[in-house]
Amino acid sequence: MITNISLVTVYCLDQDKARDFYVDVLGFEAGTDVSMGEGFRWVTLRHPSQPELEVTLMVPGPPLNPEAADFYRRQLEKGEMGGLGLRVDDCRKTFEELSAKGVTFLQEPAERPYGVEAVMRDNSGNWLVLVEPRPFSPEAAG
């Protein structure tokens, strides 16, 4: 029986720079960092309030075939990769704090039927969605 999600993958071009961004800018904690031979490195992060879920930072490569790895690299370089949805207590405040740290936002905080949402980009080209949730109302969806 599956009991929860324990690991998600975020692709990046440089594991050190990506780890530093998530730790120093977003407040994640560094997890595992192990070289496993043949140039493969396993790097994980955890958020302090959700330590059971790890984010692995993967450079596009095996087990992806070369064409798939190249596609992921190109998407990252263009800033067109999806990443994570991050719950926040106050989207506007978080937007201001992260903007002050130099984070690039693709969308400023905006009202949505499910809460307040902003879209940012990590330093690898992944889009991250910040959501201050509220109960969904079909009427608000219009």
C-alpha atoms as a PDB file:
ATOM      1  CA  MET A   1       0.000   0.000   0.000  1.00  0.00           C
ATOM      2  CA  ILE A   2       1.301   3.480  -0.891  1.00  0.00           C
ATOM      3  CA  THR A   3       1.333   5.697   2.201  1.00  0.00           C
ATOM      4  CA  ASN A   4       2.616   9.042   0.854  1.00  0.00           C
ATOM      5  CA  ILE A   5       4.836  10.830  -1.645  1.00  0.00           C
ATOM      6  CA  SER A   6       8.388  10.781  -0.346  1.00  0.00           C
ATOM      7  CA  LEU A   7      10.486  12.089  -3.261  1.00  0.00           C
ATOM      8  CA  VAL A   8      10.022  14.497  -6.157  1.00  0.00           C
ATOM      9  CA  THR A   9      12.564  15.435  -8.812  1.00  0.00           C
ATOM     10  CA  VAL A  10      13.504  18.921  -9.921  1.00  0.00           C
ATOM     11  CA  TYR A  11      15.903  19.125 -12.854  1.00  0.00           C
ATOM     12  CA  CYS A  12      18.727  21.651 -12.763  1.00  0.00           C
ATOM     13  CA  LEU A  13      21.861  22.512 -14.721  1.00  0.00           C
ATOM     14  CA  ASP A  14      24.169  22.892 -11.696  1.00  0.00           C
ATOM     15  CA  GLN A  15      23.416  20.957  -8.508  1.00  0.00           C
ATOM     16  CA  ASP A  16      25.541  23.188  -6.269  1.00  0.00           C
ATOM     17  CA  LYS A  17      23.934  26.421  -7.473  1.00  0.00           C
ATOM     18  CA  ALA A  18      20.444  24.912  -7.310  1.00  0.00           C
ATOM     19  CA  ARG A  19      21.026  23.564  -3.785  1.00  0.00           C
ATOM     20  CA  ASP A  20      22.333  26.946  -2.634  1.00  0.00           C
ATOM     21  CA  PHE A  21      19.286  28.723  -4.094  1.00  0.00           C
ATOM     22  CA  TYR A  22      16.804  26.408  -2.391  1.00  0.00           C
ATOM     23  CA  VAL A  23      18.678  26.500   0.927  1.00  0.00           C
ATOM     24  CA  ASP A  24      19.894  30.110   1.097  1.00  0.00           C
ATOM     25  CA  VAL A  25      16.997  31.852  -0.654  1.00  0.00           C
ATOM     26  CA  LEU A  26      13.947  29.630  -0.085  1.00  0.00           C
ATOM     27  CA  GLY A  27      14.777  28.195   3.346  1.00  0.00           C
ATOM     28  CA  PHE A  28      15.024  24.492   2.513  1.00  0.00           C
ATOM     29  CA  GLU A  29      17.516  22.261   4.338  1.00  0.00           C
ATOM     30  CA  ALA A  30      20.275  20.352   2.572  1.00  0.00           C
ATOM     31  CA  GLY A  31      19.786  16.598   2.660  1.00  0.00           C
ATOM     32  CA  THR A  32      21.856  13.886   1.045  1.00  0.00           C
ATOM     33  CA  ASP A  33      24.825  14.746  -1.170  1.00  0.00           C
ATOM     34  CA  VAL A  34      26.554  11.623  -2.437  1.00  0.00           C
ATOM     35  CA  SER A  35      28.658  10.928  -5.520  1.00  0.00           C
ATOM     36  CA  MET A  36      27.734   7.511  -6.837  1.00  0.00           C
ATOM     37  CA  GLY A  37      30.327   6.934  -9.543  1.00  0.00           C
ATOM     38  CA  GLU A  38      30.400   7.614 -13.279  1.00  0.00           C
ATOM     39  CA  GLY A  39      29.594  11.289 -12.683  1.00  0.00           C
ATOM     40  CA  PHE A  40      26.262  10.606 -10.973  1.00  0.00           C
ATOM     41  CA  ARG A  41      25.509  12.670  -7.874  1.00  0.00           C
ATOM     42  CA  TRP A  42      22.466  12.328  -5.613  1.00  0.00           C
ATOM     43  CA  VAL A  43      21.539  15.682  -4.034  1.00  0.00           C
ATOM     44  CA  THR A  44      18.386  16.128  -1.951  1.00  0.00           C
ATOM     45  CA  LEU A  45      16.634  18.889  -0.018  1.00  0.00           C
ATOM     46  CA  ARG A  46      13.864  18.979   2.553  1.00  0.00           C
ATOM     47  CA  HIS A  47      11.648  21.758   3.810  1.00  0.00           C
ATOM     48  CA  PRO A  48      11.853  22.038   7.628  1.00  0.00           C
ATOM     49  CA  SER A  49       8.066  21.837   7.992  1.00  0.00           C
ATOM     50  CA  GLN A  50       7.786  18.763   5.738  1.00  0.00           C
ATOM     51  CA  PRO A  51      10.914  16.633   6.317  1.00  0.00           C
ATOM     52  CA  GLU A  52       9.282  13.428   5.051  1.00  0.00           C
ATOM     53  CA  LEU A  53       9.241  14.795   1.476  1.00  0.00           C
ATOM     54  CA  GLU A  54      12.604  15.088  -0.245  1.00  0.00           C
ATOM     55  CA  VAL A  55      13.329  17.032  -3.420  1.00  0.00           C
ATOM     56  CA  THR A  56      16.118  15.538  -5.499  1.00  0.00           C
ATOM     57  CA  LEU A  57      18.062  17.940  -7.705  1.00  0.00           C
ATOM     58  CA  MET A  58      18.943  16.067 -10.863  1.00  0.00           C
ATOM     59  CA  VAL A  59      21.118  17.108 -13.784  1.00  0.00           C
ATOM     60  CA  PRO A  60      19.524  15.811 -16.995  1.00  0.00           C
ATOM     61  CA  GLY A  61      21.310  12.583 -17.861  1.00  0.00           C
ATOM     62  CA  PRO A  62      20.964   8.857 -17.212  1.00  0.00           C
ATOM     63  CA  PRO A  63      18.537   7.190 -16.736  1.00  0.00           C
ATOM     64  CA  LEU A  64      17.131   9.586 -19.389  1.00  0.00           C
ATOM     65  CA  ASN A  65      18.197   8.748 -22.926  1.00  0.00           C
ATOM     66  CA  PRO A  66      20.423  11.402 -24.583  1.00  0.00           C
ATOM     67  CA  GLU A  67      17.554  12.960 -26.550  1.00  0.00           C
ATOM     68  CA  ALA A  68      15.374  13.330 -23.449  1.00  0.00           C
ATOM     69  CA  ALA A  69      18.274  14.740 -21.399  1.00  0.00           C
ATOM     70  CA  ASP A  70      18.978  17.270 -24.153  1.00  0.00           C
ATOM     71  CA  PHE A  71      15.291  18.275 -24.206  1.00  0.00           C
ATOM     72  CA  TYR A  72      15.299  18.883 -20.433  1.00  0.00           C
ATOM     73  CA  ARG A  73      18.510  20.947 -20.693  1.00  0.00           C
ATOM     74  CA  ARG A  74      17.035  23.096 -23.468  1.00  0.00           C
ATOM     75  CA  GLN A  75      13.823  23.650 -21.520  1.00  0.00           C
ATOM     76  CA  LEU A  76      15.766  24.691 -18.427  1.00  0.00           C
ATOM     77  CA  GLU A  77      17.936  27.049 -20.458  1.00  0.00           C
ATOM     78  CA  LYS A  78      14.793  28.673 -21.900  1.00  0.00           C
ATOM     79  CA  GLY A  79      13.160  28.900 -18.446  1.00  0.00           C
ATOM     80  CA  GLU A  80      10.254  26.711 -19.480  1.00  0.00           C
ATOM     81  CA  MET A  81      10.309  23.850 -16.982  1.00  0.00           C
ATOM     82  CA  GLY A  82       7.639  23.235 -14.388  1.00  0.00           C
ATOM     83  CA  GLY A  83       8.889  22.790 -10.861  1.00  0.00           C
ATOM     84  CA  LEU A  84       7.098  22.851  -7.537  1.00  0.00           C
ATOM     85  CA  GLY A  85       4.008  24.350  -5.976  1.00  0.00           C
ATOM     86  CA  LEU A  86       4.901  25.962  -2.659  1.00  0.00           C
ATOM     87  CA  ARG A  87       2.307  26.811  -0.015  1.00  0.00           C
ATOM     88  CA  VAL A  88       2.821  30.146   1.720  1.00  0.00           C
ATOM     89  CA  ASP A  89       1.040  31.897   4.594  1.00  0.00           C
ATOM     90  CA  ASP A  90       1.071  35.317   2.917  1.00  0.00           C
ATOM     91  CA  CYS A  91       1.762  35.354  -0.821  1.00  0.00           C
ATOM     92  CA  ARG A  92       2.203  39.113  -1.091  1.00  0.00           C
ATOM     93  CA  LYS A  93       4.648  39.246   1.824  1.00  0.00           C
ATOM     94  CA  THR A  94       6.611  36.267   0.471  1.00  0.00           C
ATOM     95  CA  PHE A  95       6.690  37.947  -2.954  1.00  0.00           C
ATOM     96  CA  GLU A  96       8.193  41.088  -1.388  1.00  0.00           C
ATOM     97  CA  GLU A  97      10.764  39.109   0.637  1.00  0.00           C
ATOM     98  CA  LEU A  98      11.905  36.983  -2.302  1.00  0.00           C
ATOM     99  CA  SER A  99      11.921  39.932  -4.702  1.00  0.00           C
ATOM    100  CA  ALA A 100      14.263  41.719  -2.276  1.00  0.00           C
ATOM    101  CA  LYS A 101      16.570  38.683  -2.496  1.00  0.00           C
ATOM    102  CA  GLY A 102      16.694  39.015  -6.287  1.00  0.00           C
ATOM    103  CA  VAL A 103      14.264  36.229  -7.201  1.00  0.00           C
ATOM    104  CA  THR A 104      12.749  36.584 -10.678  1.00  0.00           C
ATOM    105  CA  PHE A 105       8.941  36.599 -10.719  1.00  0.00           C
ATOM    106  CA  LEU A 106       6.984  35.778 -13.852  1.00  0.00           C
ATOM    107  CA  GLN A 107       3.686  36.741 -12.236  1.00  0.00           C
ATOM    108  CA  GLU A 108       3.071  39.013  -9.269  1.00  0.00           C
ATOM    109  CA  PRO A 109       0.567  37.908  -6.616  1.00  0.00           C
ATOM    110  CA  ALA A 110      -2.922  37.653  -8.073  1.00  0.00           C
ATOM    111  CA  GLU A 111      -6.308  36.603  -6.726  1.00  0.00           C
ATOM    112  CA  ARG A 112      -7.458  33.199  -7.928  1.00  0.00           C
ATOM    113  CA  PRO A 113     -10.568  31.144  -7.004  1.00  0.00           C
ATOM    114  CA  TYR A 114      -8.327  28.923  -4.841  1.00  0.00           C
ATOM    115  CA  GLY A 115      -6.277  31.694  -3.180  1.00  0.00           C
ATOM    116  CA  VAL A 116      -3.496  34.133  -3.978  1.00  0.00           C
ATOM    117  CA  GLU A 117      -0.865  32.927  -6.458  1.00  0.00           C
ATOM    118  CA  ALA A 118       2.486  34.200  -7.716  1.00  0.00           C
ATOM    119  CA  VAL A 119       4.857  32.494 -10.150  1.00  0.00           C
ATOM    120  CA  MET A 120       8.621  32.698  -9.793  1.00  0.00           C
ATOM    121  CA  ARG A 121      11.607  31.116 -11.463  1.00  0.00           C
ATOM    122  CA  ASP A 122      14.379  29.300  -9.618  1.00  0.00           C
ATOM    123  CA  ASN A 123      17.990  29.759 -10.718  1.00  0.00           C
ATOM    124  CA  SER A 124      17.770  26.681 -12.968  1.00  0.00           C
ATOM    125  CA  GLY A 125      14.849  27.823 -15.120  1.00  0.00           C
ATOM    126  CA  ASN A 126      12.038  26.000 -13.275  1.00  0.00           C
ATOM    127  CA  TRP A 127       8.755  27.746 -12.613  1.00  0.00           C
ATOM    128  CA  LEU A 128       7.694  27.623  -8.973  1.00  0.00           C
ATOM    129  CA  VAL A 129       4.159  28.554  -7.965  1.00  0.00           C
ATOM    130  CA  LEU A 130       3.597  30.227  -4.600  1.00  0.00           C
ATOM    131  CA  VAL A 131       0.052  29.702  -3.340  1.00  0.00           C
ATOM    132  CA  GLU A 132      -1.677  31.181  -0.315  1.00  0.00           C
ATOM    133  CA  PRO A 133      -4.634  28.800  -0.352  1.00  0.00           C
ATOM    134  CA  ARG A 134      -8.229  29.432   0.610  1.00  0.00           C
ATOM    135  CA  PRO A 135     -11.244  27.178   0.250  1.00  0.00           C
ATOM    136  CA  PHE A 136     -12.224  26.853  -3.397  1.00  0.00           C
ATOM    137  CA  SER A 137     -15.505  28.428  -4.394  1.00  0.00           C
ATOM    138  CA  PRO A 138     -17.014  27.541  -7.797  1.00  0.00           C
ATOM    139  CA  GLU A 139     -18.794  30.915  -7.731  1.00  0.00           C
ATOM    140  CA  ALA A 140     -15.419  32.706  -7.486  1.00  0.00           C
ATOM    141  CA  ALA A 141     -14.220  30.859 -10.585  1.00  0.00           C
ATOM    142  CA  GLY A 142     -16.851  32.773 -12.581  1.00  0.00           C
END
